[in-house]
N, C-alpha and C. Protein backbone atom coordinates (compact mmCIF):
# COMPACT_ATOMS: atom_id res chain seq x y z
N MET A 1 0.84 -1.18 0.00
CA MET A 1 0.00 0.00 0.00
C MET A 1 0.89 1.25 0.00
N PRO A 2 0.71 2.13 -0.96
CA PRO A 2 1.59 3.30 -1.04
C PRO A 2 1.40 4.26 0.13
N SER A 3 2.46 5.01 0.40
CA SER A 3 2.40 6.09 1.39
C SER A 3 3.00 7.33 0.74
N VAL A 4 2.94 8.44 1.44
CA VAL A 4 3.48 9.69 0.90
C VAL A 4 4.95 9.54 0.55
N TYR A 5 5.64 8.63 1.23
CA TYR A 5 7.08 8.46 1.02
C TYR A 5 7.43 7.81 -0.31
N ASP A 6 6.42 7.32 -1.03
CA ASP A 6 6.65 6.71 -2.34
C ASP A 6 6.71 7.75 -3.47
N PHE A 7 6.52 9.02 -3.14
CA PHE A 7 6.42 10.05 -4.17
C PHE A 7 7.63 10.97 -4.17
N GLU A 8 7.84 11.54 -5.34
CA GLU A 8 8.87 12.55 -5.50
C GLU A 8 8.23 13.79 -6.08
N ALA A 9 8.91 14.91 -5.88
CA ALA A 9 8.46 16.17 -6.44
C ALA A 9 9.71 16.90 -6.93
N THR A 10 9.50 18.06 -7.49
CA THR A 10 10.61 18.91 -7.90
C THR A 10 10.53 20.17 -7.06
N GLY A 11 11.64 20.51 -6.43
CA GLY A 11 11.68 21.74 -5.63
C GLY A 11 11.55 22.95 -6.53
N ILE A 12 11.20 24.07 -5.94
CA ILE A 12 11.03 25.30 -6.71
C ILE A 12 12.35 25.71 -7.36
N ASP A 13 13.46 25.16 -6.84
CA ASP A 13 14.78 25.42 -7.41
C ASP A 13 15.12 24.45 -8.55
N GLY A 14 14.18 23.55 -8.89
CA GLY A 14 14.38 22.61 -9.98
C GLY A 14 15.05 21.31 -9.58
N LYS A 15 15.41 21.16 -8.32
CA LYS A 15 16.07 19.94 -7.86
C LYS A 15 15.04 18.92 -7.40
N PRO A 16 15.32 17.61 -7.61
CA PRO A 16 14.38 16.58 -7.17
C PRO A 16 14.28 16.53 -5.64
N VAL A 17 13.07 16.26 -5.17
CA VAL A 17 12.80 16.13 -3.74
C VAL A 17 12.10 14.80 -3.52
N ALA A 18 12.76 13.91 -2.79
CA ALA A 18 12.14 12.63 -2.43
C ALA A 18 11.38 12.84 -1.13
N LEU A 19 10.08 12.59 -1.14
CA LEU A 19 9.31 12.76 0.08
C LEU A 19 9.76 11.77 1.16
N ALA A 20 10.43 10.70 0.74
CA ALA A 20 10.99 9.75 1.71
C ALA A 20 12.03 10.43 2.61
N ASP A 21 12.58 11.55 2.16
CA ASP A 21 13.54 12.30 2.99
C ASP A 21 12.87 12.86 4.24
N HIS A 22 11.54 12.90 4.24
CA HIS A 22 10.78 13.42 5.39
C HIS A 22 10.15 12.29 6.21
N ARG A 23 10.63 11.07 5.99
CA ARG A 23 10.08 9.91 6.72
C ARG A 23 10.11 10.17 8.22
N GLY A 24 8.97 9.83 8.88
CA GLY A 24 8.88 10.00 10.32
C GLY A 24 8.44 11.39 10.75
N LYS A 25 8.23 12.28 9.80
CA LYS A 25 7.77 13.64 10.12
C LYS A 25 6.27 13.74 9.81
N VAL A 26 5.66 14.77 10.32
CA VAL A 26 4.27 15.11 9.99
C VAL A 26 4.33 16.11 8.86
N LEU A 27 3.58 15.87 7.80
CA LEU A 27 3.59 16.76 6.64
C LEU A 27 2.27 17.50 6.51
N LEU A 28 2.35 18.76 6.16
CA LEU A 28 1.19 19.55 5.79
C LEU A 28 1.43 19.97 4.34
N ILE A 29 0.66 19.38 3.43
CA ILE A 29 0.83 19.59 1.99
C ILE A 29 -0.28 20.51 1.50
N VAL A 30 0.10 21.58 0.80
CA VAL A 30 -0.84 22.63 0.42
C VAL A 30 -0.63 23.03 -1.04
N ASN A 31 -1.71 23.11 -1.82
CA ASN A 31 -1.59 23.71 -3.15
C ASN A 31 -1.81 25.21 -3.00
N THR A 32 -0.83 25.98 -3.45
CA THR A 32 -0.81 27.42 -3.20
C THR A 32 -1.00 28.22 -4.48
N ALA A 33 -1.25 29.51 -4.30
CA ALA A 33 -1.33 30.46 -5.41
C ALA A 33 -0.99 31.84 -4.88
N SER A 34 -0.32 32.62 -5.71
CA SER A 34 0.17 33.94 -5.30
C SER A 34 -0.84 35.07 -5.46
N GLN A 35 -1.90 34.85 -6.22
CA GLN A 35 -2.85 35.92 -6.50
C GLN A 35 -4.28 35.50 -6.17
N CYS A 36 -4.46 34.90 -5.02
CA CYS A 36 -5.73 34.32 -4.60
C CYS A 36 -6.21 35.04 -3.34
N GLY A 37 -7.51 35.02 -3.12
CA GLY A 37 -8.04 35.57 -1.88
C GLY A 37 -7.51 34.86 -0.64
N PHE A 38 -7.07 33.62 -0.80
CA PHE A 38 -6.53 32.85 0.32
C PHE A 38 -5.01 32.99 0.46
N THR A 39 -4.37 33.74 -0.44
CA THR A 39 -2.91 33.90 -0.41
C THR A 39 -2.39 34.35 0.96
N PRO A 40 -3.10 35.21 1.71
CA PRO A 40 -2.60 35.57 3.03
C PRO A 40 -2.42 34.38 3.98
N GLN A 41 -2.95 33.21 3.62
CA GLN A 41 -2.72 32.02 4.46
C GLN A 41 -1.24 31.63 4.49
N PHE A 42 -0.43 32.17 3.57
CA PHE A 42 1.01 31.92 3.63
C PHE A 42 1.55 32.32 5.01
N THR A 43 1.01 33.39 5.58
CA THR A 43 1.47 33.85 6.90
C THR A 43 1.22 32.78 7.95
N GLY A 44 0.02 32.22 7.98
CA GLY A 44 -0.31 31.18 8.95
C GLY A 44 0.47 29.90 8.71
N LEU A 45 0.68 29.56 7.45
CA LEU A 45 1.47 28.36 7.13
C LEU A 45 2.91 28.53 7.61
N GLU A 46 3.46 29.72 7.41
CA GLU A 46 4.82 29.99 7.88
C GLU A 46 4.89 29.93 9.40
N GLN A 47 3.85 30.43 10.08
CA GLN A 47 3.83 30.35 11.55
C GLN A 47 3.78 28.91 12.03
N LEU A 48 3.01 28.05 11.35
CA LEU A 48 3.00 26.63 11.72
C LEU A 48 4.38 26.03 11.52
N TRP A 49 5.01 26.32 10.39
CA TRP A 49 6.34 25.81 10.09
C TRP A 49 7.34 26.25 11.17
N GLU A 50 7.32 27.53 11.49
CA GLU A 50 8.26 28.06 12.49
C GLU A 50 7.97 27.48 13.88
N GLY A 51 6.69 27.31 14.20
CA GLY A 51 6.32 26.86 15.53
C GLY A 51 6.48 25.37 15.78
N TYR A 52 6.40 24.58 14.73
CA TYR A 52 6.38 23.13 14.92
C TYR A 52 7.49 22.36 14.21
N ARG A 53 8.31 23.02 13.44
CA ARG A 53 9.30 22.25 12.66
C ARG A 53 10.31 21.54 13.53
N GLU A 54 10.66 22.13 14.67
CA GLU A 54 11.61 21.47 15.58
C GLU A 54 11.03 20.19 16.16
N ARG A 55 9.70 20.10 16.18
CA ARG A 55 9.02 18.90 16.69
C ARG A 55 8.69 17.90 15.59
N GLY A 56 8.98 18.28 14.33
CA GLY A 56 8.80 17.31 13.25
C GLY A 56 7.77 17.65 12.20
N LEU A 57 7.27 18.88 12.15
CA LEU A 57 6.32 19.27 11.09
C LEU A 57 7.08 19.80 9.88
N VAL A 58 6.67 19.36 8.70
CA VAL A 58 7.19 19.92 7.46
C VAL A 58 6.00 20.42 6.65
N VAL A 59 6.03 21.71 6.31
CA VAL A 59 5.01 22.29 5.43
C VAL A 59 5.59 22.26 4.02
N LEU A 60 4.81 21.76 3.08
CA LEU A 60 5.23 21.70 1.67
C LEU A 60 4.22 22.44 0.82
N GLY A 61 4.67 23.48 0.14
CA GLY A 61 3.81 24.26 -0.73
C GLY A 61 3.98 23.85 -2.18
N PHE A 62 2.86 23.61 -2.85
CA PHE A 62 2.85 23.23 -4.27
C PHE A 62 2.08 24.28 -5.06
N PRO A 63 2.77 25.24 -5.67
CA PRO A 63 2.07 26.24 -6.48
C PRO A 63 1.27 25.58 -7.60
N CYS A 64 0.11 26.15 -7.87
CA CYS A 64 -0.78 25.61 -8.89
C CYS A 64 -1.50 26.77 -9.57
N ASN A 65 -1.57 26.71 -10.88
CA ASN A 65 -2.20 27.78 -11.66
C ASN A 65 -3.53 27.33 -12.26
N GLN A 66 -4.12 26.24 -11.73
CA GLN A 66 -5.34 25.69 -12.32
C GLN A 66 -6.62 26.41 -11.92
N PHE A 67 -6.58 27.23 -10.91
CA PHE A 67 -7.80 27.86 -10.40
C PHE A 67 -7.74 29.36 -10.66
N GLY A 68 -8.45 29.80 -11.68
CA GLY A 68 -8.51 31.22 -11.99
C GLY A 68 -7.18 31.80 -12.44
N HIS A 69 -6.25 30.96 -12.86
CA HIS A 69 -4.91 31.41 -13.29
C HIS A 69 -4.30 32.36 -12.27
N GLN A 70 -4.35 31.94 -10.98
CA GLN A 70 -3.93 32.80 -9.90
C GLN A 70 -2.48 32.59 -9.47
N ASP A 71 -1.73 31.81 -10.24
CA ASP A 71 -0.29 31.68 -10.00
C ASP A 71 0.44 31.57 -11.34
N PRO A 72 0.38 32.65 -12.15
CA PRO A 72 0.92 32.58 -13.51
C PRO A 72 2.44 32.72 -13.60
N GLY A 73 3.08 33.13 -12.53
CA GLY A 73 4.51 33.43 -12.58
C GLY A 73 5.40 32.21 -12.74
N SER A 74 6.66 32.49 -13.01
CA SER A 74 7.68 31.45 -13.07
C SER A 74 8.01 30.99 -11.65
N GLU A 75 8.75 29.91 -11.55
CA GLU A 75 9.17 29.43 -10.22
C GLU A 75 9.95 30.51 -9.49
N ALA A 76 10.85 31.20 -10.19
CA ALA A 76 11.64 32.26 -9.56
C ALA A 76 10.73 33.39 -9.05
N GLU A 77 9.74 33.76 -9.85
CA GLU A 77 8.81 34.83 -9.43
C GLU A 77 7.98 34.39 -8.23
N ILE A 78 7.51 33.14 -8.25
CA ILE A 78 6.70 32.62 -7.14
C ILE A 78 7.55 32.59 -5.86
N SER A 79 8.76 32.08 -5.97
CA SER A 79 9.64 31.99 -4.81
C SER A 79 9.92 33.37 -4.22
N SER A 80 10.23 34.32 -5.08
CA SER A 80 10.50 35.69 -4.64
C SER A 80 9.27 36.31 -3.99
N PHE A 81 8.10 36.16 -4.61
CA PHE A 81 6.86 36.70 -4.08
C PHE A 81 6.59 36.16 -2.67
N CYS A 82 6.69 34.84 -2.52
CA CYS A 82 6.38 34.21 -1.23
C CYS A 82 7.35 34.66 -0.14
N SER A 83 8.60 34.77 -0.50
CA SER A 83 9.63 35.17 0.46
C SER A 83 9.48 36.65 0.84
N LEU A 84 9.36 37.51 -0.16
CA LEU A 84 9.31 38.95 0.11
C LEU A 84 8.02 39.38 0.79
N ASN A 85 6.89 38.82 0.38
CA ASN A 85 5.60 39.28 0.88
C ASN A 85 5.13 38.55 2.13
N TYR A 86 5.55 37.30 2.31
CA TYR A 86 5.04 36.51 3.43
C TYR A 86 6.13 35.84 4.26
N GLY A 87 7.39 36.09 3.92
CA GLY A 87 8.49 35.52 4.70
C GLY A 87 8.55 34.01 4.64
N VAL A 88 8.03 33.42 3.56
CA VAL A 88 7.97 31.96 3.46
C VAL A 88 9.39 31.37 3.45
N SER A 89 9.62 30.47 4.39
CA SER A 89 10.90 29.75 4.42
C SER A 89 10.67 28.24 4.36
N PHE A 90 9.40 27.80 4.43
CA PHE A 90 9.13 26.36 4.31
C PHE A 90 9.36 25.94 2.85
N PRO A 91 9.59 24.65 2.63
CA PRO A 91 9.89 24.17 1.28
C PRO A 91 8.74 24.40 0.29
N MET A 92 9.08 25.03 -0.82
CA MET A 92 8.14 25.21 -1.91
C MET A 92 8.60 24.35 -3.08
N MET A 93 7.64 23.76 -3.77
CA MET A 93 7.92 22.90 -4.90
C MET A 93 7.67 23.67 -6.21
N SER A 94 8.02 23.03 -7.32
CA SER A 94 7.71 23.60 -8.63
C SER A 94 6.21 23.54 -8.86
N LYS A 95 5.75 24.39 -9.74
CA LYS A 95 4.33 24.47 -10.06
C LYS A 95 3.84 23.15 -10.64
N ILE A 96 2.67 22.72 -10.18
CA ILE A 96 2.08 21.45 -10.63
C ILE A 96 0.61 21.66 -10.96
N GLU A 97 0.02 20.62 -11.52
CA GLU A 97 -1.44 20.54 -11.64
C GLU A 97 -1.92 19.56 -10.57
N VAL A 98 -3.07 19.85 -10.00
CA VAL A 98 -3.62 19.00 -8.94
C VAL A 98 -4.86 18.24 -9.37
N ASN A 99 -5.43 18.61 -10.50
CA ASN A 99 -6.61 17.95 -11.06
C ASN A 99 -6.36 17.58 -12.51
N GLY A 100 -7.16 16.64 -13.00
CA GLY A 100 -7.14 16.32 -14.42
C GLY A 100 -6.05 15.34 -14.81
N PRO A 101 -5.93 15.11 -16.12
CA PRO A 101 -5.00 14.09 -16.61
C PRO A 101 -3.53 14.40 -16.33
N GLN A 102 -3.20 15.65 -16.13
CA GLN A 102 -1.81 16.04 -15.85
C GLN A 102 -1.55 16.23 -14.36
N ALA A 103 -2.50 15.82 -13.53
CA ALA A 103 -2.33 15.99 -12.07
C ALA A 103 -1.08 15.25 -11.61
N HIS A 104 -0.37 15.87 -10.72
CA HIS A 104 0.83 15.26 -10.14
C HIS A 104 0.42 13.97 -9.43
N PRO A 105 1.21 12.89 -9.57
CA PRO A 105 0.86 11.63 -8.92
C PRO A 105 0.62 11.75 -7.42
N LEU A 106 1.33 12.63 -6.74
CA LEU A 106 1.11 12.83 -5.31
C LEU A 106 -0.32 13.29 -5.06
N TYR A 107 -0.80 14.22 -5.87
CA TYR A 107 -2.15 14.74 -5.67
C TYR A 107 -3.21 13.73 -6.07
N ARG A 108 -2.92 12.90 -7.05
CA ARG A 108 -3.87 11.82 -7.37
C ARG A 108 -4.01 10.90 -6.15
N TRP A 109 -2.89 10.59 -5.51
CA TRP A 109 -2.90 9.73 -4.32
C TRP A 109 -3.60 10.43 -3.14
N LEU A 110 -3.24 11.69 -2.89
CA LEU A 110 -3.84 12.42 -1.76
C LEU A 110 -5.37 12.45 -1.87
N THR A 111 -5.88 12.72 -3.06
CA THR A 111 -7.33 12.84 -3.22
C THR A 111 -8.03 11.48 -3.15
N GLU A 112 -7.32 10.42 -3.48
CA GLU A 112 -7.87 9.08 -3.29
C GLU A 112 -7.94 8.74 -1.80
N GLU A 113 -6.90 9.08 -1.09
CA GLU A 113 -6.79 8.77 0.33
C GLU A 113 -7.76 9.60 1.18
N ALA A 114 -7.98 10.85 0.78
CA ALA A 114 -8.83 11.75 1.57
C ALA A 114 -9.74 12.54 0.63
N PRO A 115 -10.83 11.91 0.20
CA PRO A 115 -11.78 12.63 -0.66
C PRO A 115 -12.38 13.83 0.08
N GLY A 116 -12.87 14.77 -0.70
CA GLY A 116 -13.48 15.96 -0.13
C GLY A 116 -14.94 15.73 0.23
N LEU A 117 -15.64 16.81 0.38
CA LEU A 117 -17.05 16.81 0.73
C LEU A 117 -17.83 15.94 -0.24
N LEU A 118 -18.70 15.12 0.28
CA LEU A 118 -19.54 14.21 -0.50
C LEU A 118 -18.73 13.23 -1.35
N GLY A 119 -17.49 12.96 -0.92
CA GLY A 119 -16.67 11.97 -1.59
C GLY A 119 -15.99 12.44 -2.86
N THR A 120 -16.09 13.73 -3.16
CA THR A 120 -15.45 14.24 -4.37
C THR A 120 -13.93 14.11 -4.26
N LYS A 121 -13.32 13.74 -5.36
CA LYS A 121 -11.86 13.56 -5.37
C LYS A 121 -11.14 14.83 -5.81
N ALA A 122 -11.80 15.67 -6.58
CA ALA A 122 -11.14 16.85 -7.13
C ALA A 122 -10.78 17.86 -6.04
N ILE A 123 -9.71 18.56 -6.29
CA ILE A 123 -9.34 19.71 -5.47
C ILE A 123 -10.24 20.85 -5.95
N LYS A 124 -10.91 21.52 -5.02
CA LYS A 124 -11.87 22.55 -5.40
C LYS A 124 -11.23 23.91 -5.67
N TRP A 125 -10.14 24.22 -4.95
CA TRP A 125 -9.55 25.55 -5.10
C TRP A 125 -8.17 25.56 -4.46
N ASN A 126 -7.50 26.69 -4.60
CA ASN A 126 -6.19 26.90 -3.98
C ASN A 126 -6.28 26.77 -2.46
N PHE A 127 -5.20 26.36 -1.86
CA PHE A 127 -5.04 26.25 -0.41
C PHE A 127 -5.88 25.14 0.21
N THR A 128 -6.13 24.07 -0.57
CA THR A 128 -6.62 22.82 0.01
C THR A 128 -5.41 22.20 0.71
N LYS A 129 -5.62 21.68 1.91
CA LYS A 129 -4.50 21.20 2.72
C LYS A 129 -4.71 19.75 3.12
N PHE A 130 -3.60 19.00 3.19
CA PHE A 130 -3.61 17.61 3.62
C PHE A 130 -2.61 17.44 4.75
N LEU A 131 -3.07 16.88 5.86
CA LEU A 131 -2.20 16.56 6.99
C LEU A 131 -1.84 15.09 6.90
N VAL A 132 -0.55 14.79 6.88
CA VAL A 132 -0.05 13.43 6.75
C VAL A 132 0.72 13.08 8.02
N GLY A 133 0.38 11.93 8.60
CA GLY A 133 1.01 11.50 9.84
C GLY A 133 2.43 10.98 9.65
N ARG A 134 3.09 10.71 10.76
CA ARG A 134 4.47 10.22 10.74
C ARG A 134 4.61 8.90 10.00
N ASP A 135 3.49 8.16 9.88
CA ASP A 135 3.52 6.88 9.17
C ASP A 135 3.33 7.03 7.66
N GLY A 136 3.20 8.26 7.18
CA GLY A 136 3.05 8.49 5.75
C GLY A 136 1.63 8.39 5.24
N ARG A 137 0.65 8.22 6.14
CA ARG A 137 -0.76 8.09 5.76
C ARG A 137 -1.48 9.43 5.97
N VAL A 138 -2.44 9.71 5.10
CA VAL A 138 -3.20 10.95 5.21
C VAL A 138 -4.11 10.88 6.43
N LEU A 139 -4.03 11.89 7.28
CA LEU A 139 -4.88 11.97 8.46
C LEU A 139 -6.15 12.78 8.20
N LYS A 140 -6.01 13.87 7.44
CA LYS A 140 -7.15 14.76 7.26
C LYS A 140 -6.94 15.68 6.07
N ARG A 141 -8.06 16.03 5.45
CA ARG A 141 -8.09 17.01 4.36
C ARG A 141 -8.81 18.25 4.87
N TYR A 142 -8.29 19.41 4.53
CA TYR A 142 -8.88 20.68 4.95
C TYR A 142 -9.27 21.51 3.73
N ALA A 143 -10.36 22.20 3.85
CA ALA A 143 -10.85 23.06 2.77
C ALA A 143 -10.00 24.33 2.66
N PRO A 144 -10.04 24.99 1.51
CA PRO A 144 -9.31 26.25 1.36
C PRO A 144 -9.69 27.29 2.42
N THR A 145 -10.93 27.25 2.88
CA THR A 145 -11.37 28.22 3.88
C THR A 145 -10.86 27.92 5.29
N ASP A 146 -10.34 26.72 5.52
CA ASP A 146 -9.78 26.37 6.83
C ASP A 146 -8.44 27.08 6.99
N LYS A 147 -8.39 27.98 7.96
CA LYS A 147 -7.16 28.74 8.20
C LYS A 147 -6.11 27.85 8.86
N PRO A 148 -4.84 28.09 8.54
CA PRO A 148 -3.78 27.26 9.13
C PRO A 148 -3.84 27.18 10.66
N GLU A 149 -4.15 28.28 11.31
CA GLU A 149 -4.18 28.26 12.78
C GLU A 149 -5.27 27.34 13.33
N SER A 150 -6.29 27.05 12.54
CA SER A 150 -7.36 26.16 12.99
C SER A 150 -6.91 24.70 13.02
N MET A 151 -5.75 24.41 12.47
CA MET A 151 -5.25 23.03 12.39
C MET A 151 -4.30 22.68 13.53
N GLN A 152 -4.04 23.61 14.42
CA GLN A 152 -3.03 23.38 15.46
C GLN A 152 -3.32 22.16 16.32
N ALA A 153 -4.54 21.96 16.73
CA ALA A 153 -4.86 20.81 17.60
C ALA A 153 -4.58 19.50 16.86
N ASP A 154 -4.96 19.43 15.59
CA ASP A 154 -4.71 18.23 14.78
C ASP A 154 -3.20 18.00 14.60
N ILE A 155 -2.47 19.07 14.38
CA ILE A 155 -1.01 18.97 14.24
C ILE A 155 -0.38 18.49 15.53
N GLU A 156 -0.83 19.05 16.65
CA GLU A 156 -0.31 18.63 17.97
C GLU A 156 -0.53 17.12 18.17
N ARG A 157 -1.74 16.65 17.85
CA ARG A 157 -2.04 15.21 18.00
C ARG A 157 -1.14 14.38 17.09
N ALA A 158 -0.97 14.83 15.85
CA ALA A 158 -0.14 14.08 14.91
C ALA A 158 1.32 14.04 15.37
N LEU A 159 1.80 15.13 15.89
CA LEU A 159 3.18 15.19 16.37
C LEU A 159 3.39 14.32 17.61
N ALA A 160 2.33 14.17 18.40
CA ALA A 160 2.43 13.40 19.64
C ALA A 160 2.39 11.89 19.39
N SER A 161 1.90 11.47 18.22
CA SER A 161 1.78 10.03 17.97
C SER A 161 3.02 9.44 17.34
């Protein structure tokens, strides 16, 4: 049975990232966008990263331009925007698709493991979040409207297990 550790991604710097490198950590995986109404959530995501990374939380941002073309920039532009405007220091990946035939294999797996409301598999919008436990299994899916700070209790439980 696959786990998150079976997947690879490409960092925003173009280098390969094996998710197995995060084995034993709690992951918060988020599809992001730089020009979205939810973009200010970068601040809360960075606060989670800063507050919990020493205890084993890794926040992974996956820019996506599939929703309203709200992340049209290059990887360099996205990286600069996130850093300058929101102080993002958590790992950001290269831009991906999260739905459809070109969806990144990680997102195909995430949506199978944790369907959305009424069992829908599709990602509805930017800033959908997935919490993955230390065992590499998806614990919970969060809607774009769920603010990062609202996930603290779930993160605490995941870190404690």
